[in-house]
Amino acid sequence: MFERFTRDARSTVKGAVAEARQTGAATVTEEHLLLSLLALGALDPLGVDRTAVTADLTAARRRGGMSRADEEALAGLGIDLREIVSRIEETHGEGALAAPAPRRRTLGSSLRSALGRERPAGSAGSHHVPFTEDAKRVLEQSLRIALGRKDNHIGTLHLLLALLSRPGPVSEVLTDHGITYTTAESTLQP
C-alpha cells in the first residue's frame, strides 16, 4: 500500500513517526498524523491556524481522549471535567489521563521499510515506534478513499479525509476549526 503514497503523503507518515519520537510517545497516533500534516503545510490552503489546532489537540489529550460531548454530558450531571483533570494533573503530572499505549504490534514490511526501519541498530532515531490500531485504520481508510475517488495514488488529501471520517478528538478539533470532510474535499486537490 505504501508504494501508492505520494512524496508528501510519505513525508506525512514519516513526520508522524518523528512527532511521536520527539514527544517520547510509545506509539504513533492519529494525532501525530494530523500534527505532521500541519507541519507539512497540507492544511494551509484551508486557512488553518496551526498553533490553535495544536493547542486544541493538547487540550483533547489532557481530557484523556474524552470528547466534548462526554464533557458536556458530565457537566449536565454537575461534574466539571476540567476541574477533575486539573486536580489529577496536580498530583500525577500533565497528561496523566492520556490513554495508555496499546500493545505493540508489527507493521507490514513495506510500510516498515518505507519509514526507514532498515537503519542500523543504534543509529539516531532508529528505535521502532509502532502505529496504534486507529492510526493504521487511518492509513487503510486513506486507501479506500483514494480508490473510491478513482485516484491512482494516496496523497495528503486522502490522509486528511481519512482522519475526518473517523470519530474522535482529531476530527472534532478539525471540525471546530471549520475543516469538514466536505470543505477539505472541495478545497484541496489530491
Protein backbone atom coordinates (compact mmCIF):
# COMPACT_ATOMS: atom_id res chain seq x y z
CA MET A 1 0.00 0.00 0.00
CA PHE A 2 2.78 2.45 0.91
CA GLU A 3 4.06 2.40 -2.66
CA ARG A 4 0.87 4.24 -3.69
CA PHE A 5 1.66 7.16 -1.37
CA THR A 6 2.79 10.43 -2.94
CA ARG A 7 6.01 12.01 -1.72
CA ASP A 8 4.04 14.37 0.55
CA ALA A 9 1.93 11.53 1.96
CA ARG A 10 5.10 9.54 2.69
CA SER A 11 6.57 12.63 4.33
CA THR A 12 3.42 12.90 6.43
CA VAL A 13 3.72 9.33 7.67
CA LYS A 14 7.45 9.72 8.36
CA GLY A 15 6.72 13.05 10.05
CA ALA A 16 4.14 11.36 12.28
CA VAL A 17 6.79 8.87 13.39
CA ALA A 18 9.18 11.77 14.05
CA GLU A 19 6.46 13.61 16.04
CA ALA A 20 5.93 10.51 18.18
CA ARG A 21 9.67 10.09 18.76
CA GLN A 22 10.13 13.77 19.54
CA THR A 23 7.47 13.71 22.24
CA GLY A 24 8.61 10.35 23.61
CA ALA A 25 5.30 8.69 22.70
CA ALA A 26 5.27 4.91 22.74
CA THR A 27 3.11 4.79 19.60
CA VAL A 28 2.19 6.83 16.53
CA THR A 29 -1.40 8.04 16.83
CA GLU A 30 -3.96 9.81 14.68
CA GLU A 31 -2.90 13.00 16.44
CA HIS A 32 0.68 12.54 15.22
CA LEU A 33 -0.60 12.14 11.66
CA LEU A 34 -2.52 15.42 11.97
CA LEU A 35 0.45 17.24 13.51
CA SER A 36 2.59 16.01 10.63
CA LEU A 37 0.03 17.22 8.07
CA LEU A 38 0.07 20.61 9.81
CA ALA A 39 3.87 20.77 9.83
CA LEU A 40 3.95 19.87 6.15
CA GLY A 41 1.56 22.75 5.43
CA ALA A 42 -1.02 20.44 3.86
CA LEU A 43 -3.87 22.25 5.62
CA ASP A 44 -2.63 25.78 4.89
CA PRO A 45 -4.95 26.23 1.85
CA LEU A 46 -7.84 25.76 4.30
CA GLY A 47 -6.66 28.73 6.38
CA VAL A 48 -5.80 26.61 9.39
CA ASP A 49 -4.21 28.24 12.42
CA ARG A 50 -1.54 25.65 13.20
CA THR A 51 -0.96 26.98 16.72
CA ALA A 52 -4.65 26.90 17.63
CA VAL A 53 -5.14 23.39 16.26
CA THR A 54 -2.08 22.16 18.14
CA ALA A 55 -3.35 23.77 21.36
CA ASP A 56 -6.76 22.15 20.90
CA LEU A 57 -5.15 18.75 20.32
CA THR A 58 -3.20 19.24 23.55
CA ALA A 59 -6.43 20.08 25.38
CA ALA A 60 -8.08 16.95 23.94
CA ARG A 61 -5.11 14.85 25.08
CA ARG A 62 -5.42 16.35 28.59
CA ARG A 63 -9.05 15.19 28.68
CA GLY A 64 -7.77 11.67 28.13
CA GLY A 65 -9.37 11.45 24.71
CA MET A 66 -12.85 12.26 26.04
CA SER A 67 -14.97 14.09 23.52
CA ARG A 68 -16.68 17.39 24.18
CA ALA A 69 -19.97 15.51 24.12
CA ASP A 70 -18.71 13.39 27.02
CA GLU A 71 -17.59 16.54 28.81
CA GLU A 72 -20.99 18.17 28.26
CA ALA A 73 -22.79 15.05 29.50
CA LEU A 74 -20.74 15.11 32.68
CA ALA A 75 -21.38 18.84 33.08
CA GLY A 76 -25.11 18.10 32.86
CA LEU A 77 -24.61 15.89 35.91
CA GLY A 78 -22.76 18.68 37.72
CA ILE A 79 -19.30 17.23 37.11
CA ASP A 80 -16.64 19.70 35.98
CA LEU A 81 -14.20 17.64 33.91
CA ARG A 82 -11.70 20.50 33.68
CA GLU A 83 -11.52 20.70 37.45
CA ILE A 84 -11.02 16.94 37.72
CA VAL A 85 -8.30 16.94 35.07
CA SER A 86 -6.60 19.87 36.77
CA ARG A 87 -6.55 18.11 40.15
CA ILE A 88 -5.31 14.84 38.68
CA GLU A 89 -2.54 16.65 36.83
CA GLU A 90 -1.53 18.49 40.01
CA THR A 91 -0.99 15.13 41.65
CA HIS A 92 0.24 12.95 38.77
CA GLY A 93 1.63 15.39 36.21
CA GLU A 94 0.38 16.86 32.95
CA GLY A 95 -1.18 14.36 30.56
CA ALA A 96 -1.76 11.77 33.28
CA LEU A 97 -5.15 10.97 31.75
CA ALA A 98 -3.77 10.31 28.29
CA ALA A 99 -4.73 6.87 27.03
CA PRO A 100 -2.17 4.16 27.81
CA ALA A 101 -0.09 2.84 24.96
CA PRO A 102 -1.67 -0.15 23.24
CA ARG A 103 0.10 -3.47 22.87
CA ARG A 104 2.92 -3.40 20.38
CA ARG A 105 2.26 -4.99 17.02
CA THR A 106 4.46 -5.09 13.97
CA LEU A 107 3.76 -3.20 10.77
CA GLY A 108 3.88 -4.72 7.34
CA SER A 109 7.33 -4.87 5.80
CA SER A 110 6.56 -2.39 3.03
CA LEU A 111 5.47 0.30 5.50
CA ARG A 112 8.34 -0.52 7.86
CA SER A 113 10.96 -0.22 5.11
CA ALA A 114 9.40 2.95 3.71
CA LEU A 115 9.69 4.51 7.14
CA GLY A 116 13.40 3.83 7.20
CA ARG A 117 13.23 0.86 9.57
CA GLU A 118 16.26 -0.73 7.91
CA ARG A 119 18.71 1.71 9.51
CA PRO A 120 21.42 0.03 11.57
CA ALA A 121 20.61 -0.53 15.21
CA GLY A 122 21.90 2.26 17.38
CA SER A 123 21.68 4.94 14.70
CA ALA A 124 19.94 8.16 15.66
CA GLY A 125 16.18 7.84 15.69
CA SER A 126 16.27 4.17 14.78
CA HIS A 127 14.04 2.83 17.55
CA HIS A 128 10.79 1.45 16.27
CA VAL A 129 7.63 3.36 17.16
CA PRO A 130 4.57 1.26 16.27
CA PHE A 131 1.33 2.68 14.93
CA THR A 132 -1.80 2.38 17.04
CA GLU A 133 -4.65 0.36 15.56
CA ASP A 134 -6.54 3.62 14.98
CA ALA A 135 -3.60 5.19 13.13
CA LYS A 136 -3.31 2.05 10.98
CA ARG A 137 -7.03 2.31 10.22
CA VAL A 138 -6.49 5.90 9.03
CA LEU A 139 -3.84 4.68 6.58
CA GLU A 140 -6.15 1.89 5.39
CA GLN A 141 -9.07 4.32 5.11
CA SER A 142 -6.93 6.68 3.02
CA LEU A 143 -6.50 3.85 0.51
CA ARG A 144 -10.25 3.19 0.45
CA ILE A 145 -10.94 6.89 -0.08
CA ALA A 146 -8.41 7.08 -2.93
CA LEU A 147 -9.92 4.02 -4.59
CA GLY A 148 -13.44 5.41 -4.12
CA ARG A 149 -12.39 8.64 -5.81
CA LYS A 150 -10.69 6.61 -8.56
CA ASP A 151 -7.33 8.21 -7.73
CA ASN A 152 -4.24 6.17 -8.58
CA HIS A 153 -2.29 7.43 -5.59
CA ILE A 154 -2.73 8.26 -1.92
CA GLY A 155 -1.97 11.87 -1.11
CA THR A 156 -2.23 14.18 1.86
CA LEU A 157 -5.86 14.91 0.94
CA HIS A 158 -6.69 11.22 1.32
CA LEU A 159 -4.94 11.11 4.71
CA LEU A 160 -6.85 14.20 5.86
CA LEU A 161 -10.17 12.81 4.63
CA ALA A 162 -9.43 9.55 6.45
CA LEU A 163 -8.77 11.48 9.68
CA LEU A 164 -12.01 13.42 9.20
CA SER A 165 -14.01 10.27 8.53
CA ARG A 166 -13.20 8.76 11.92
CA PRO A 167 -14.95 9.94 15.08
CA GLY A 168 -12.75 11.16 17.90
CA PRO A 169 -10.72 14.09 19.15
CA VAL A 170 -8.78 14.64 15.92
CA SER A 171 -11.84 15.01 13.69
CA GLU A 172 -13.55 17.01 16.43
CA VAL A 173 -10.68 19.51 16.62
CA LEU A 174 -10.59 19.83 12.84
CA THR A 175 -14.34 20.41 12.70
CA ASP A 176 -14.03 23.08 15.40
CA HIS A 177 -11.63 24.87 13.08
CA GLY A 178 -14.05 24.70 10.16
CA ILE A 179 -12.44 21.74 8.43
CA THR A 180 -15.00 19.15 7.49
CA TYR A 181 -14.83 16.28 5.06
CA THR A 182 -16.79 18.37 2.52
CA THR A 183 -14.67 21.53 2.85
CA ALA A 184 -11.42 19.56 2.62
CA GLU A 185 -12.63 17.59 -0.39
CA SER A 186 -13.84 20.67 -2.25
CA THR A 187 -10.85 22.91 -1.41
CA LEU A 188 -7.85 20.62 -1.68
CA GLN A 189 -6.57 18.73 -4.70
CA PRO A 190 -5.50 15.07 -4.41
